[in-house]
């Protein structure tokens, strides 16, 4: 939730269990909690981008399949009507 106009969203405090080597890596940094937060936020943003891209690709595949089906139906209709008109 934004705390004011143009302000950052309020944060929630969580306890997190990490392997010791992961914590040791981040503790080498000047502000390790900020760096951990950046990594997690970027991961979530990337997942959102991936899901969005995957959704677009699925929509394109669905449209392609629908067009292929319609094209086949049109060919069948045309062939049938072409034969009917010749008889």
C-alpha atoms as a PDB file:
ATOM      1  CA  UNK A   1       0.000   0.000   0.000  1.00  0.00           C
ATOM      2  CA  UNK A   2       1.369   3.420  -0.865  1.00  0.00           C
ATOM      3  CA  UNK A   3       2.067   5.507   2.217  1.00  0.00           C
ATOM      4  CA  UNK A   4       1.551   8.795   0.457  1.00  0.00           C
ATOM      5  CA  UNK A   5       1.444  10.386  -2.954  1.00  0.00           C
ATOM      6  CA  UNK A   6       4.443   9.169  -4.939  1.00  0.00           C
ATOM      7  CA  UNK A   7       5.746   7.137  -1.996  1.00  0.00           C
ATOM      8  CA  UNK A   8       6.900   3.532  -1.892  1.00  0.00           C
ATOM      9  CA  UNK A   9       4.551   0.811  -0.786  1.00  0.00           C
ATOM     10  CA  UNK A  10       4.592  -0.199   2.870  1.00  0.00           C
ATOM     11  CA  UNK A  11       6.549  -3.374   3.558  1.00  0.00           C
ATOM     12  CA  UNK A  12       5.711  -6.386   5.663  1.00  0.00           C
ATOM     13  CA  UNK A  13       8.229  -7.950   8.001  1.00  0.00           C
ATOM     14  CA  UNK A  14       8.765 -11.707   7.562  1.00  0.00           C
ATOM     15  CA  UNK A  15      11.059 -14.239   9.164  1.00  0.00           C
ATOM     16  CA  UNK A  16      12.972 -16.263   6.623  1.00  0.00           C
ATOM     17  CA  UNK A  17      15.055 -19.392   7.077  1.00  0.00           C
ATOM     18  CA  UNK A  18      18.059 -19.549   4.752  1.00  0.00           C
ATOM     19  CA  UNK A  19      20.987 -21.868   4.292  1.00  0.00           C
ATOM     20  CA  UNK A  20      24.034 -20.506   6.142  1.00  0.00           C
ATOM     21  CA  UNK A  21      26.044 -20.030   2.932  1.00  0.00           C
ATOM     22  CA  UNK A  22      23.281 -17.867   1.431  1.00  0.00           C
ATOM     23  CA  UNK A  23      23.149 -15.649   4.497  1.00  0.00           C
ATOM     24  CA  UNK A  24      26.947 -15.447   4.602  1.00  0.00           C
ATOM     25  CA  UNK A  25      26.999 -14.269   0.982  1.00  0.00           C
ATOM     26  CA  UNK A  26      24.505 -11.484   1.587  1.00  0.00           C
ATOM     27  CA  UNK A  27      26.115 -10.429   4.871  1.00  0.00           C
ATOM     28  CA  UNK A  28      29.263  -9.496   2.929  1.00  0.00           C
ATOM     29  CA  UNK A  29      27.276  -6.667   1.340  1.00  0.00           C
ATOM     30  CA  UNK A  30      26.880  -3.242   2.986  1.00  0.00           C
ATOM     31  CA  UNK A  31      23.112  -3.582   3.447  1.00  0.00           C
ATOM     32  CA  UNK A  32      22.341  -7.252   3.073  1.00  0.00           C
ATOM     33  CA  UNK A  33      18.593  -7.002   3.733  1.00  0.00           C
ATOM     34  CA  UNK A  34      18.227  -4.394   0.971  1.00  0.00           C
ATOM     35  CA  UNK A  35      20.154  -6.646  -1.403  1.00  0.00           C
ATOM     36  CA  UNK A  36      18.032  -9.675  -0.494  1.00  0.00           C
ATOM     37  CA  UNK A  37      14.908  -7.623  -1.104  1.00  0.00           C
ATOM     38  CA  UNK A  38      16.228  -6.495  -4.521  1.00  0.00           C
ATOM     39  CA  UNK A  39      16.925 -10.083  -5.539  1.00  0.00           C
ATOM     40  CA  UNK A  40      13.461 -11.255  -4.493  1.00  0.00           C
ATOM     41  CA  UNK A  41      11.708  -8.299  -6.132  1.00  0.00           C
ATOM     42  CA  UNK A  42      13.594  -8.810  -9.401  1.00  0.00           C
ATOM     43  CA  UNK A  43      12.775 -12.516  -9.342  1.00  0.00           C
ATOM     44  CA  UNK A  44       9.060 -11.781  -8.975  1.00  0.00           C
ATOM     45  CA  UNK A  45       9.184  -9.160 -11.760  1.00  0.00           C
ATOM     46  CA  UNK A  46      10.914 -11.681 -14.036  1.00  0.00           C
ATOM     47  CA  UNK A  47       8.288 -14.304 -13.242  1.00  0.00           C
ATOM     48  CA  UNK A  48       5.551 -11.794 -14.089  1.00  0.00           C
ATOM     49  CA  UNK A  49       7.273 -10.981 -17.399  1.00  0.00           C
ATOM     50  CA  UNK A  50       7.698 -14.689 -18.173  1.00  0.00           C
ATOM     51  CA  UNK A  51       4.054 -15.433 -17.363  1.00  0.00           C
ATOM     52  CA  UNK A  52       2.932 -12.481 -19.452  1.00  0.00           C
ATOM     53  CA  UNK A  53       5.082 -13.650 -22.362  1.00  0.00           C
ATOM     54  CA  UNK A  54       3.880 -17.215 -21.934  1.00  0.00           C
ATOM     55  CA  UNK A  55       0.272 -15.989 -21.879  1.00  0.00           C
ATOM     56  CA  UNK A  56       0.813 -14.077 -25.115  1.00  0.00           C
ATOM     57  CA  UNK A  57       2.408 -17.116 -26.748  1.00  0.00           C
ATOM     58  CA  UNK A  58      -0.489 -19.317 -25.630  1.00  0.00           C
ATOM     59  CA  UNK A  59      -2.960 -16.792 -27.051  1.00  0.00           C
ATOM     60  CA  UNK A  60      -1.063 -16.734 -30.366  1.00  0.00           C
ATOM     61  CA  UNK A  61      -1.076 -20.545 -30.489  1.00  0.00           C
ATOM     62  CA  UNK A  62      -4.810 -20.593 -29.769  1.00  0.00           C
ATOM     63  CA  UNK A  63      -5.490 -18.039 -32.490  1.00  0.00           C
ATOM     64  CA  UNK A  64      -3.285 -19.934 -34.944  1.00  0.00           C
ATOM     65  CA  UNK A  65      -5.154 -23.155 -34.198  1.00  0.00           C
ATOM     66  CA  UNK A  66      -8.514 -21.411 -34.580  1.00  0.00           C
ATOM     67  CA  UNK A  67      -7.479 -19.898 -37.912  1.00  0.00           C
ATOM     68  CA  UNK A  68      -6.233 -23.272 -39.124  1.00  0.00           C
ATOM     69  CA  UNK A  69      -9.548 -24.862 -38.165  1.00  0.00           C
ATOM     70  CA  UNK A  70     -11.511 -22.092 -39.865  1.00  0.00           C
ATOM     71  CA  UNK A  71      -9.337 -22.411 -42.948  1.00  0.00           C
ATOM     72  CA  UNK A  72     -10.025 -26.160 -43.102  1.00  0.00           C
ATOM     73  CA  UNK A  73     -13.751 -25.533 -42.667  1.00  0.00           C
ATOM     74  CA  UNK A  74     -13.671 -22.947 -45.448  1.00  0.00           C
ATOM     75  CA  UNK A  75     -11.821 -25.345 -47.769  1.00  0.00           C
ATOM     76  CA  UNK A  76     -14.364 -28.082 -47.021  1.00  0.00           C
ATOM     77  CA  UNK A  77     -17.274 -25.723 -47.610  1.00  0.00           C
ATOM     78  CA  UNK A  78     -15.771 -24.417 -50.842  1.00  0.00           C
ATOM     79  CA  UNK A  79     -15.047 -27.922 -52.122  1.00  0.00           C
ATOM     80  CA  UNK A  80     -18.574 -29.072 -51.307  1.00  0.00           C
ATOM     81  CA  UNK A  81     -20.206 -26.026 -52.890  1.00  0.00           C
ATOM     82  CA  UNK A  82     -17.920 -26.184 -55.901  1.00  0.00           C
ATOM     83  CA  UNK A  83     -19.024 -29.794 -56.499  1.00  0.00           C
ATOM     84  CA  UNK A  84     -22.690 -28.890 -55.873  1.00  0.00           C
ATOM     85  CA  UNK A  85     -22.490 -26.008 -58.372  1.00  0.00           C
ATOM     86  CA  UNK A  86     -20.946 -28.209 -61.070  1.00  0.00           C
ATOM     87  CA  UNK A  87     -23.610 -30.906 -60.810  1.00  0.00           C
END
